[in-house]
PDB file of N, CA and C in Angstrom:
ATOM      1  N   MET A   1       0.958  -1.141   0.031  1.00  0.00           N
ATOM      2  CA  MET A   1      -0.044  -0.056  -0.049  1.00  0.00           C
ATOM      3  C   MET A   1       0.868   1.362   0.090  1.00  0.00           C
ATOM      4  N   THR A   2       0.493   2.151  -0.719  1.00  0.00           N
ATOM      5  CA  THR A   2       1.327   3.296  -0.949  1.00  0.00           C
ATOM      6  C   THR A   2       0.804   4.555   0.196  1.00  0.00           C
ATOM      7  N   ASP A   3       1.567   5.391   0.442  1.00  0.00           N
ATOM      8  CA  ASP A   3       1.372   6.491   1.507  1.00  0.00           C
ATOM      9  C   ASP A   3       0.720   7.670   0.706  1.00  0.00           C
ATOM     10  N   GLU A   4       0.356   7.517  -0.438  1.00  0.00           N
ATOM     11  CA  GLU A   4       0.031   8.709  -1.356  1.00  0.00           C
ATOM     12  C   GLU A   4      -1.374   9.137  -0.834  1.00  0.00           C
ATOM     13  N   PRO A   5      -1.681  10.380  -0.640  1.00  0.00           N
ATOM     14  CA  PRO A   5      -2.940  10.847  -0.167  1.00  0.00           C
ATOM     15  C   PRO A   5      -3.988  10.512  -1.117  1.00  0.00           C
ATOM     16  N   ARG A   6      -5.287  10.179  -0.624  1.00  0.00           N
ATOM     17  CA  ARG A   6      -6.418   9.864  -1.551  1.00  0.00           C
ATOM     18  C   ARG A   6      -6.954  11.096  -2.139  1.00  0.00           C
ATOM     19  N   ARG A   7      -7.509  11.034  -3.275  1.00  0.00           N
ATOM     20  CA  ARG A   7      -8.085  12.263  -3.943  1.00  0.00           C
ATOM     21  C   ARG A   7      -9.489  11.949  -4.383  1.00  0.00           C
ATOM     22  N   GLY A   8     -10.323  12.930  -4.575  1.00  0.00           N
ATOM     23  CA  GLY A   8     -11.555  12.906  -5.102  1.00  0.00           C
ATOM     24  C   GLY A   8     -12.596  12.070  -4.286  1.00  0.00           C
ATOM     25  N   LEU A   9     -13.371  11.306  -5.058  1.00  0.00           N
ATOM     26  CA  LEU A   9     -14.427  10.466  -4.349  1.00  0.00           C
ATOM     27  C   LEU A   9     -13.750   9.492  -3.511  1.00  0.00           C
ATOM     28  N   ASP A  10     -12.703   8.981  -3.652  1.00  0.00           N
ATOM     29  CA  ASP A  10     -12.078   8.005  -2.866  1.00  0.00           C
ATOM     30  C   ASP A  10     -11.690   8.555  -1.479  1.00  0.00           C
ATOM     31  N   ARG A  11     -11.450   9.862  -1.435  1.00  0.00           N
ATOM     32  CA  ARG A  11     -11.223  10.659  -0.236  1.00  0.00           C
ATOM     33  C   ARG A  11     -12.368  10.752   0.707  1.00  0.00           C
ATOM     34  N   ILE A  12     -13.637  10.986   0.048  1.00  0.00           N
ATOM     35  CA  ILE A  12     -14.811  10.980   0.842  1.00  0.00           C
ATOM     36  C   ILE A  12     -15.247   9.672   1.275  1.00  0.00           C
ATOM     37  N   LEU A  13     -15.196   8.699   0.269  1.00  0.00           N
ATOM     38  CA  LEU A  13     -15.718   7.396   0.798  1.00  0.00           C
ATOM     39  C   LEU A  13     -14.877   6.699   1.844  1.00  0.00           C
ATOM     40  N   HIS A  14     -13.729   6.872   1.927  1.00  0.00           N
ATOM     41  CA  HIS A  14     -12.837   6.221   2.874  1.00  0.00           C
ATOM     42  C   HIS A  14     -12.354   7.171   3.994  1.00  0.00           C
ATOM     43  N   SER A  15     -13.166   8.168   4.204  1.00  0.00           N
ATOM     44  CA  SER A  15     -12.889   9.102   5.480  1.00  0.00           C
ATOM     45  C   SER A  15     -13.325   8.426   6.745  1.00  0.00           C
ATOM     46  N   SER A  16     -12.776   8.995   7.773  1.00  0.00           N
ATOM     47  CA  SER A  16     -13.202   8.581   9.125  1.00  0.00           C
ATOM     48  C   SER A  16     -14.634   9.165   9.568  1.00  0.00           C
ATOM     49  N   VAL A  17     -15.014  10.038   8.809  1.00  0.00           N
ATOM     50  CA  VAL A  17     -16.414  10.704   9.168  1.00  0.00           C
ATOM     51  C   VAL A  17     -17.524   9.720   8.753  1.00  0.00           C
ATOM     52  N   LEU A  18     -17.318   8.972   7.710  1.00  0.00           N
ATOM     53  CA  LEU A  18     -18.370   8.087   7.138  1.00  0.00           C
ATOM     54  C   LEU A  18     -17.974   6.680   7.357  1.00  0.00           C
ATOM     55  N   PRO A  19     -18.593   6.033   8.293  1.00  0.00           N
ATOM     56  CA  PRO A  19     -18.077   4.689   8.561  1.00  0.00           C
ATOM     57  C   PRO A  19     -18.561   3.772   7.570  1.00  0.00           C
ATOM     58  N   ALA A  20     -17.847   2.560   7.331  1.00  0.00           N
ATOM     59  CA  ALA A  20     -18.242   1.632   6.378  1.00  0.00           C
ATOM     60  C   ALA A  20     -19.472   0.774   6.649  1.00  0.00           C
ATOM     61  N   LYS A  21     -19.685   0.619   7.959  1.00  0.00           N
ATOM     62  CA  LYS A  21     -20.899  -0.039   8.576  1.00  0.00           C
ATOM     63  C   LYS A  21     -21.440   0.752   9.733  1.00  0.00           C
ATOM     64  N   ILE A  22     -22.738   0.681   9.960  1.00  0.00           N
ATOM     65  CA  ILE A  22     -23.397   1.337  10.979  1.00  0.00           C
ATOM     66  C   ILE A  22     -24.277   0.340  11.747  1.00  0.00           C
ATOM     67  N   PHE A  23     -25.015   0.779  12.800  1.00  0.00           N
ATOM     68  CA  PHE A  23     -25.815  -0.034  13.643  1.00  0.00           C
ATOM     69  C   PHE A  23     -24.998  -1.171  14.196  1.00  0.00           C
ATOM     70  N   GLY A  24     -23.769  -0.928  14.651  1.00  0.00           N
ATOM     71  CA  GLY A  24     -23.063  -1.978  15.318  1.00  0.00           C
ATOM     72  C   GLY A  24     -22.409  -2.973  14.297  1.00  0.00           C
ATOM     73  N   GLY A  25     -22.193  -2.520  13.032  1.00  0.00           N
ATOM     74  CA  GLY A  25     -21.640  -3.299  12.022  1.00  0.00           C
ATOM     75  C   GLY A  25     -22.682  -4.260  11.389  1.00  0.00           C
ATOM     76  N   ARG A  26     -23.889  -4.188  11.502  1.00  0.00           N
ATOM     77  CA  ARG A  26     -24.874  -4.932  10.836  1.00  0.00           C
ATOM     78  C   ARG A  26     -25.397  -4.407   9.539  1.00  0.00           C
ATOM     79  N   VAL A  27     -25.283  -3.129   9.165  1.00  0.00           N
ATOM     80  CA  VAL A  27     -25.596  -2.518   7.976  1.00  0.00           C
ATOM     81  C   VAL A  27     -24.470  -1.765   7.286  1.00  0.00           C
ATOM     82  N   ARG A  28     -24.448  -2.031   6.028  1.00  0.00           N
ATOM     83  CA  ARG A  28     -23.297  -1.249   5.437  1.00  0.00           C
ATOM     84  C   ARG A  28     -23.984   0.094   5.071  1.00  0.00           C
ATOM     85  N   THR A  29     -23.103   1.201   5.173  1.00  0.00           N
ATOM     86  CA  THR A  29     -23.557   2.553   5.037  1.00  0.00           C
ATOM     87  C   THR A  29     -24.228   2.791   3.539  1.00  0.00           C
ATOM     88  N   SER A  30     -23.402   2.082   2.462  1.00  0.00           N
ATOM     89  CA  SER A  30     -23.943   2.345   1.073  1.00  0.00           C
ATOM     90  C   SER A  30     -25.267   1.733   0.932  1.00  0.00           C
ATOM     91  N   THR A  31     -25.578   0.429   1.562  1.00  0.00           N
ATOM     92  CA  THR A  31     -26.863  -0.205   1.609  1.00  0.00           C
ATOM     93  C   THR A  31     -27.986   0.730   2.016  1.00  0.00           C
ATOM     94  N   LEU A  32     -27.737   1.348   3.288  1.00  0.00           N
ATOM     95  CA  LEU A  32     -28.681   2.235   3.856  1.00  0.00           C
ATOM     96  C   LEU A  32     -28.931   3.600   2.996  1.00  0.00           C
ATOM     97  N   VAL A  33     -27.799   4.089   2.294  1.00  0.00           N
ATOM     98  CA  VAL A  33     -27.995   5.251   1.673  1.00  0.00           C
ATOM     99  C   VAL A  33     -28.883   4.811   0.390  1.00  0.00           C
ATOM    100  N   LEU A  34     -28.678   3.789  -0.301  1.00  0.00           N
ATOM    101  CA  LEU A  34     -29.468   3.305  -1.400  1.00  0.00           C
ATOM    102  C   LEU A  34     -30.958   3.127  -0.978  1.00  0.00           C
ATOM    103  N   CYS A  35     -31.139   2.553  -0.029  1.00  0.00           N
ATOM    104  CA  CYS A  35     -32.577   2.379   0.616  1.00  0.00           C
ATOM    105  C   CYS A  35     -33.171   3.720   0.761  1.00  0.00           C
ATOM    106  N   ILE A  36     -32.566   4.670   1.346  1.00  0.00           N
ATOM    107  CA  ILE A  36     -33.059   5.961   1.683  1.00  0.00           C
ATOM    108  C   ILE A  36     -33.304   6.691   0.338  1.00  0.00           C
ATOM    109  N   LEU A  37     -32.439   6.691  -0.627  1.00  0.00           N
ATOM    110  CA  LEU A  37     -32.646   7.216  -1.887  1.00  0.00           C
ATOM    111  C   LEU A  37     -33.871   6.537  -2.750  1.00  0.00           C
ATOM    112  N   TRP A  38     -34.054   5.227  -2.599  1.00  0.00           N
ATOM    113  CA  TRP A  38     -35.076   4.624  -3.174  1.00  0.00           C
ATOM    114  C   TRP A  38     -36.460   5.071  -2.609  1.00  0.00           C
ATOM    115  N   VAL A  39     -36.395   5.378  -1.369  1.00  0.00           N
ATOM    116  CA  VAL A  39     -37.807   5.700  -0.688  1.00  0.00           C
ATOM    117  C   VAL A  39     -38.078   7.095  -1.059  1.00  0.00           C
ATOM    118  N   LEU A  40     -37.006   7.964  -1.073  1.00  0.00           N
ATOM    119  CA  LEU A  40     -37.184   9.427  -1.455  1.00  0.00           C
ATOM    120  C   LEU A  40     -37.684   9.435  -2.979  1.00  0.00           C
ATOM    121  N   LEU A  41     -37.026   8.628  -3.821  1.00  0.00           N
ATOM    122  CA  LEU A  41     -37.530   8.630  -5.253  1.00  0.00           C
ATOM    123  C   LEU A  41     -38.707   8.278  -5.489  1.00  0.00           C
ATOM    124  N   TYR A  42     -39.258   7.187  -4.677  1.00  0.00           N
ATOM    125  CA  TYR A  42     -40.575   6.719  -4.844  1.00  0.00           C
ATOM    126  C   TYR A  42     -41.601   7.774  -4.392  1.00  0.00           C
ATOM    127  N   THR A  43     -41.176   8.372  -3.218  1.00  0.00           N
ATOM    128  CA  THR A  43     -42.133   9.391  -2.728  1.00  0.00           C
ATOM    129  C   THR A  43     -42.295  10.664  -3.832  1.00  0.00           C
ATOM    130  N   LEU A  44     -41.208  10.942  -4.459  1.00  0.00           N
ATOM    131  CA  LEU A  44     -41.207  11.929  -5.444  1.00  0.00           C
ATOM    132  C   LEU A  44     -42.093  11.584  -6.706  1.00  0.00           C
ATOM    133  N   TYR A  45     -41.955  10.280  -7.022  1.00  0.00           N
ATOM    134  CA  TYR A  45     -42.711   9.736  -8.071  1.00  0.00           C
ATOM    135  C   TYR A  45     -44.142   9.816  -7.972  1.00  0.00           C
ATOM    136  N   THR A  46     -44.714   9.411  -6.595  1.00  0.00           N
ATOM    137  CA  THR A  46     -45.998   9.339  -6.408  1.00  0.00           C
ATOM    138  C   THR A  46     -46.565  10.821  -6.306  1.00  0.00           C
ATOM    139  N   TYR A  47     -45.720  11.705  -5.824  1.00  0.00           N
ATOM    140  CA  TYR A  47     -46.093  13.121  -5.595  1.00  0.00           C
ATOM    141  C   TYR A  47     -46.384  13.640  -7.127  1.00  0.00           C
ATOM    142  N   LEU A  48     -45.419  13.427  -8.067  1.00  0.00           N
ATOM    143  CA  LEU A  48     -45.584  14.103  -9.415  1.00  0.00           C
ATOM    144  C   LEU A  48     -46.590  13.423 -10.189  1.00  0.00           C
ATOM    145  N   ASN A  49     -46.925  12.080  -9.864  1.00  0.00           N
ATOM    146  CA  ASN A  49     -47.766  11.379 -10.814  1.00  0.00           C
ATOM    147  C   ASN A  49     -48.830  10.732  -9.904  1.00  0.00           C
ATOM    148  N   PRO A  50     -49.742  11.539  -9.500  1.00  0.00           N
ATOM    149  CA  PRO A  50     -50.895  10.929  -8.659  1.00  0.00           C
ATOM    150  C   PRO A  50     -51.750   9.947  -9.406  1.00  0.00           C
ATOM    151  N   ALA A  51     -52.235   9.016  -8.649  1.00  0.00           N
ATOM    152  CA  ALA A  51     -53.103   7.955  -9.289  1.00  0.00           C
ATOM    153  C   ALA A  51     -54.397   8.688  -9.753  1.00  0.00           C
ATOM    154  N   GLU A  52     -54.918   8.287 -10.956  1.00  0.00           N
ATOM    155  CA  GLU A  52     -56.054   8.797 -11.508  1.00  0.00           C
ATOM    156  C   GLU A  52     -57.261   8.119 -10.871  1.00  0.00           C
ATOM    157  N   GLU A  53     -58.327   9.091 -10.576  1.00  0.00           N
ATOM    158  CA  GLU A  53     -59.446   8.560  -9.892  1.00  0.00           C
ATOM    159  C   GLU A  53     -60.388   7.864 -10.894  1.00  0.00           C
ATOM    160  N   ALA A  54     -60.885   6.780 -10.558  1.00  0.00           N
ATOM    161  CA  ALA A  54     -61.741   5.983 -11.493  1.00  0.00           C
ATOM    162  C   ALA A  54     -63.012   6.914 -11.747  1.00  0.00           C
ATOM    163  N   VAL A  55     -63.454   6.939 -12.977  1.00  0.00           N
ATOM    164  CA  VAL A  55     -64.429   7.759 -13.415  1.00  0.00           C
ATOM    165  C   VAL A  55     -65.617   6.595 -13.613  1.00  0.00           C
ATOM    166  N   GLN A  56     -66.667   7.001 -12.982  1.00  0.00           N
ATOM    167  CA  GLN A  56     -67.894   5.940 -13.027  1.00  0.00           C
ATOM    168  C   GLN A  56     -69.044   6.732 -13.723  1.00  0.00           C
ATOM    169  N   GLY A  57     -69.642   5.959 -14.736  1.00  0.00           N
ATOM    170  CA  GLY A  57     -70.671   6.404 -15.317  1.00  0.00           C
ATOM    171  C   GLY A  57     -71.997   6.185 -14.490  1.00  0.00           C
ATOM    172  N   PRO A  58     -73.176   6.312 -15.211  1.00  0.00           N
ATOM    173  CA  PRO A  58     -74.413   6.192 -14.412  1.00  0.00           C
ATOM    174  C   PRO A  58     -74.517   4.764 -14.049  1.00  0.00           C
ATOM    175  N   VAL A  59     -75.015   4.669 -12.765  1.00  0.00           N
ATOM    176  CA  VAL A  59     -75.141   3.239 -12.271  1.00  0.00           C
ATOM    177  C   VAL A  59     -76.514   2.717 -12.493  1.00  0.00           C
ATOM    178  N   ALA A  60     -76.636   1.633 -12.984  1.00  0.00           N
ATOM    179  CA  ALA A  60     -77.916   0.822 -13.163  1.00  0.00           C
ATOM    180  C   ALA A  60     -78.586   0.509 -11.839  1.00  0.00           C
ATOM    181  N   PRO A  61     -79.928   0.520 -11.819  1.00  0.00           N
ATOM    182  CA  PRO A  61     -80.450   0.178 -10.438  1.00  0.00           C
ATOM    183  C   PRO A  61     -80.378  -1.455 -10.401  1.00  0.00           C
ATOM    184  N   ALA A  62     -80.003  -1.739  -9.178  1.00  0.00           N
ATOM    185  CA  ALA A  62     -79.983  -3.227  -8.766  1.00  0.00           C
ATOM    186  C   ALA A  62     -81.168  -3.890  -8.815  1.00  0.00           C
ATOM    187  N   VAL A  63     -81.176  -5.118  -9.363  1.00  0.00           N
ATOM    188  CA  VAL A  63     -82.353  -5.971  -9.333  1.00  0.00           C
ATOM    189  C   VAL A  63     -82.347  -6.889  -8.250  1.00  0.00           C
ATOM    190  N   VAL A  64     -83.041  -6.873  -7.234  1.00  0.00           N
ATOM    191  CA  VAL A  64     -83.087  -7.699  -6.204  1.00  0.00           C
ATOM    192  C   VAL A  64     -84.158  -8.790  -6.311  1.00  0.00           C
ATOM    193  N   PRO A  65     -83.659 -10.036  -6.435  1.00  0.00           N
ATOM    194  CA  PRO A  65     -84.690 -11.117  -6.560  1.00  0.00           C
ATOM    195  C   PRO A  65     -85.414 -11.425  -5.174  1.00  0.00           C
ATOM    196  N   THR A  66     -86.705 -11.664  -5.322  1.00  0.00           N
ATOM    197  CA  THR A  66     -87.494 -11.874  -4.069  1.00  0.00           C
ATOM    198  C   THR A  66     -88.129 -13.166  -4.223  1.00  0.00           C
ATOM    199  N   ARG A  67     -88.742 -13.684  -3.082  1.00  0.00           N
ATOM    200  CA  ARG A  67     -89.294 -14.981  -3.142  1.00  0.00           C
ATOM    201  C   ARG A  67     -90.862 -14.728  -3.119  1.00  0.00           C
ATOM    202  N   GLU A  68     -91.318 -13.567  -3.200  1.00  0.00           N
ATOM    203  CA  GLU A  68     -92.748 -13.258  -3.369  1.00  0.00           C
ATOM    204  C   GLU A  68     -93.404 -13.870  -4.716  1.00  0.00           C
ATOM    205  N   ALA A  69     -94.703 -14.241  -4.547  1.00  0.00           N
ATOM    206  CA  ALA A  69     -95.385 -14.754  -5.701  1.00  0.00           C
ATOM    207  C   ALA A  69     -95.572 -13.526  -6.693  1.00  0.00           C
ATOM    208  N   PRO A  70     -95.490 -13.813  -7.911  1.00  0.00           N
ATOM    209  CA  PRO A  70     -95.579 -12.830  -8.867  1.00  0.00           C
ATOM    210  C   PRO A  70     -97.101 -12.168  -8.802  1.00  0.00           C
ATOM    211  N   ALA A  71     -97.151 -10.953  -9.175  1.00  0.00           N
ATOM    212  CA  ALA A  71     -98.489 -10.295  -8.981  1.00  0.00           C
ATOM    213  C   ALA A  71     -99.563 -10.942  -9.948  1.00  0.00           C
ATOM    214  N   PRO A  72    -100.752 -11.229  -9.588  1.00  0.00           N
ATOM    215  CA  PRO A  72    -101.810 -11.909 -10.462  1.00  0.00           C
ATOM    216  C   PRO A  72    -101.939 -10.853 -11.612  1.00  0.00           C
ATOM    217  N   GLU A  73    -102.390 -11.575 -12.708  1.00  0.00           N
ATOM    218  CA  GLU A  73    -102.651 -10.732 -13.979  1.00  0.00           C
ATOM    219  C   GLU A  73    -103.970 -10.019 -13.658  1.00  0.00           C
ATOM    220  N   THR A  74    -104.072  -8.751 -14.208  1.00  0.00           N
ATOM    221  CA  THR A  74    -105.284  -8.165 -13.909  1.00  0.00           C
ATOM    222  C   THR A  74    -106.252  -8.478 -15.140  1.00  0.00           C
ATOM    223  N   THR A  75    -107.447  -8.696 -14.645  1.00  0.00           N
ATOM    224  CA  THR A  75    -108.591  -9.061 -15.626  1.00  0.00           C
ATOM    225  C   THR A  75    -109.652  -7.989 -15.488  1.00  0.00           C
ATOM    226  N   PHE A  76    -109.957  -7.329 -16.521  1.00  0.00           N
ATOM    227  CA  PHE A  76    -110.947  -6.364 -16.398  1.00  0.00           C
ATOM    228  C   PHE A  76    -112.446  -6.944 -16.543  1.00  0.00           C
ATOM    229  N   PRO A  77    -113.394  -6.322 -15.778  1.00  0.00           N
ATOM    230  CA  PRO A  77    -114.764  -6.967 -15.946  1.00  0.00           C
ATOM    231  C   PRO A  77    -115.269  -6.619 -17.351  1.00  0.00           C
ATOM    232  N   PRO A  78    -116.095  -7.474 -17.820  1.00  0.00           N
ATOM    233  CA  PRO A  78    -116.713  -7.151 -19.038  1.00  0.00           C
ATOM    234  C   PRO A  78    -117.472  -5.820 -19.216  1.00  0.00           C
ATOM    235  N   SER A  79    -117.547  -5.294 -20.276  1.00  0.00           N
ATOM    236  CA  SER A  79    -118.075  -3.988 -20.521  1.00  0.00           C
ATOM    237  C   SER A  79    -119.580  -4.040 -20.228  1.00  0.00           C
ATOM    238  N   THR A  80    -120.144  -3.015 -19.556  1.00  0.00           N
ATOM    239  CA  THR A  80    -121.590  -3.109 -19.164  1.00  0.00           C
ATOM    240  C   THR A  80    -122.368  -2.230 -20.241  1.00  0.00           C
ATOM    241  N   THR A  81    -121.582  -1.458 -21.064  1.00  0.00           N
ATOM    242  CA  THR A  81    -122.325  -0.792 -22.010  1.00  0.00           C
ATOM    243  C   THR A  81    -122.991  -1.695 -23.079  1.00  0.00           C
ATOM    244  N   GLU A  82    -124.250  -1.506 -23.450  1.00  0.00           N
ATOM    245  CA  GLU A  82    -125.010  -2.304 -24.400  1.00  0.00           C
ATOM    246  C   GLU A  82    -125.306  -1.563 -25.636  1.00  0.00           C
ATOM    247  N   TYR A  83    -124.963  -2.152 -26.706  1.00  0.00           N
ATOM    248  CA  TYR A  83    -125.251  -1.634 -27.931  1.00  0.00           C
ATOM    249  C   TYR A  83    -126.544  -2.175 -28.528  1.00  0.00           C
ATOM    250  N   THR A  84    -127.508  -1.366 -28.796  1.00  0.00           N
ATOM    251  CA  THR A  84    -128.713  -1.924 -29.451  1.00  0.00           C
ATOM    252  C   THR A  84    -128.826  -1.396 -30.851  1.00  0.00           C
ATOM    253  N   THR A  85    -129.458  -2.323 -31.660  1.00  0.00           N
ATOM    254  CA  THR A  85    -129.727  -1.958 -33.051  1.00  0.00           C
ATOM    255  C   THR A  85    -131.073  -1.808 -33.211  1.00  0.00           C
ATOM    256  N   GLU A  86    -131.612  -0.732 -33.755  1.00  0.00           N
ATOM    257  CA  GLU A  86    -132.987  -0.483 -34.000  1.00  0.00           C
ATOM    258  C   GLU A  86    -133.377  -1.240 -35.364  1.00  0.00           C
ATOM    259  N   PRO A  87    -134.393  -1.898 -35.348  1.00  0.00           N
ATOM    260  CA  PRO A  87    -134.891  -2.459 -36.662  1.00  0.00           C
ATOM    261  C   PRO A  87    -135.339  -1.293 -37.480  1.00  0.00           C
ATOM    262  N   THR A  88    -134.979  -1.390 -38.691  1.00  0.00           N
ATOM    263  CA  THR A  88    -135.443  -0.391 -39.763  1.00  0.00           C
ATOM    264  C   THR A  88    -136.675  -0.905 -40.284  1.00  0.00           C
ATOM    265  N   SER A  89    -137.684  -0.109 -40.557  1.00  0.00           N
ATOM    266  CA  SER A  89    -138.902  -0.527 -40.950  1.00  0.00           C
ATOM    267  C   SER A  89    -138.883  -0.289 -42.621  1.00  0.00           C
ATOM    268  N   GLU A  90    -138.423  -1.189 -43.102  1.00  0.00           N
ATOM    269  CA  GLU A  90    -138.308  -1.145 -44.675  1.00  0.00           C
ATOM    270  C   GLU A  90    -139.485  -2.146 -45.257  1.00  0.00           C
ATOM    271  N   THR A  91    -140.073  -1.673 -46.222  1.00  0.00           N
ATOM    272  CA  THR A  91    -141.200  -2.526 -46.796  1.00  0.00           C
ATOM    273  C   THR A  91    -140.785  -2.823 -48.133  1.00  0.00           C
ATOM    274  N   LEU A  92    -140.918  -4.001 -48.469  1.00  0.00           N
ATOM    275  CA  LEU A  92    -140.660  -4.517 -49.785  1.00  0.00           C
ATOM    276  C   LEU A  92    -141.849  -4.356 -50.538  1.00  0.00           C
ATOM    277  N   THR A  93    -141.859  -3.682 -51.671  1.00  0.00           N
ATOM    278  CA  THR A  93    -142.987  -3.743 -52.510  1.00  0.00           C
ATOM    279  C   THR A  93    -142.713  -4.454 -53.773  1.00  0.00           C
ATOM    280  N   THR A  94    -143.637  -5.135 -54.157  1.00  0.00           N
ATOM    281  CA  THR A  94    -143.566  -6.008 -55.357  1.00  0.00           C
ATOM    282  C   THR A  94    -144.578  -5.519 -56.434  1.00  0.00           C
ATOM    283  N   ARG A  95    -144.139  -5.417 -57.546  1.00  0.00           N
ATOM    284  CA  ARG A  95    -145.206  -4.856 -58.565  1.00  0.00           C
ATOM    285  C   ARG A  95    -145.352  -5.959 -59.563  1.00  0.00           C
TER     286      ARG A  95
END
């Protein structure tokens, strides 16, 4: 290993400020950063692209089957109006 000082991104990643593992060595720092980044990006995505509300058309009335007997058919009483025909008095004449 050389004693050359670290440069650029390598200096940030291997600094003593940012440990390689956190929570007692159980979670790698890079894994936790990626998980947090994923949650933030998903939240941003749902904020910018909200779910469309379902558009409902007119609702047809529900038909509820019943066990009642069907209504009896309506029969109308016979008409009481009487029609009369008057006999005409025609006489036949023969010649």
